[in-house]
Amino acid sequence: MRLFLLLIIVAIVLGIIGFAVHGLFYLLVIGALVLAVDLVYGAMRVRRGGRRHRRVR
């Protein structure tokens, strides 16, 4: 969960910097890509999140 939230924050910061600073449009694109990958990661985690394996002692 921490990784998911960290990637969301990174994507937002990169998007803001890429939008605000002239000539750094590529940061906006990278931020959008990070956000898309993070949403796919989160969806995959939610889809298979209910099954927990028990530890054998």
Protein backbone atom coordinates (compact mmCIF):
# COMPACT_ATOMS: atom_id res chain seq x y z
CA MET A 1 0.00 0.00 0.00
CA ARG A 2 2.87 2.36 0.73
CA LEU A 3 4.36 1.76 -2.70
CA PHE A 4 1.02 2.54 -4.34
CA LEU A 5 0.66 5.84 -2.48
CA LEU A 6 4.30 6.79 -3.06
CA LEU A 7 3.93 6.26 -6.80
CA ILE A 8 0.74 8.35 -6.83
CA ILE A 9 2.57 11.21 -5.09
CA VAL A 10 5.54 10.93 -7.47
CA ALA A 11 3.23 11.01 -10.50
CA ILE A 12 1.42 14.10 -9.20
CA VAL A 13 4.66 15.95 -8.43
CA LEU A 14 6.16 15.11 -11.83
CA GLY A 15 2.95 16.20 -13.53
CA ILE A 16 2.88 19.53 -11.70
CA ILE A 17 6.55 20.25 -12.42
CA GLY A 18 6.16 19.19 -16.06
CA PHE A 19 3.12 21.43 -16.48
CA ALA A 20 4.53 24.45 -14.66
CA VAL A 21 8.10 24.63 -15.97
CA HIS A 22 8.56 25.64 -19.58
CA GLY A 23 10.52 23.03 -21.54
CA LEU A 24 9.97 20.13 -19.15
CA PHE A 25 6.91 18.64 -20.83
CA TYR A 26 8.58 15.24 -20.76
CA LEU A 27 8.16 15.20 -16.97
CA LEU A 28 4.41 15.53 -17.44
CA VAL A 29 4.49 12.55 -19.81
CA ILE A 30 6.61 10.51 -17.38
CA GLY A 31 4.22 11.42 -14.55
CA ALA A 32 1.25 10.22 -16.62
CA LEU A 33 3.04 6.95 -17.40
CA VAL A 34 3.91 6.39 -13.73
CA LEU A 35 0.28 7.04 -12.81
CA ALA A 36 -0.98 4.57 -15.42
CA VAL A 37 1.44 1.85 -14.28
CA ASP A 38 0.51 2.50 -10.67
CA LEU A 39 -3.21 2.18 -11.39
CA VAL A 40 -2.62 -1.14 -13.18
CA TYR A 41 -0.52 -2.34 -10.23
CA GLY A 42 -3.26 -1.31 -7.79
CA ALA A 43 -5.96 -3.03 -9.83
CA MET A 44 -3.96 -6.25 -9.96
CA ARG A 45 -3.42 -6.10 -6.21
CA VAL A 46 -7.11 -5.60 -5.50
CA ARG A 47 -8.10 -8.39 -7.87
CA ARG A 48 -5.99 -11.03 -6.11
CA GLY A 49 -5.92 -9.45 -2.65
CA GLY A 50 -8.41 -11.74 -0.93
CA ARG A 51 -6.30 -14.88 -0.95
CA ARG A 52 -3.75 -15.06 1.86
CA HIS A 53 -1.45 -18.05 2.13
CA ARG A 54 -0.93 -19.57 5.54
CA ARG A 55 2.57 -20.05 6.81
CA VAL A 56 3.67 -23.57 7.57
CA ARG A 57 5.56 -23.80 10.85
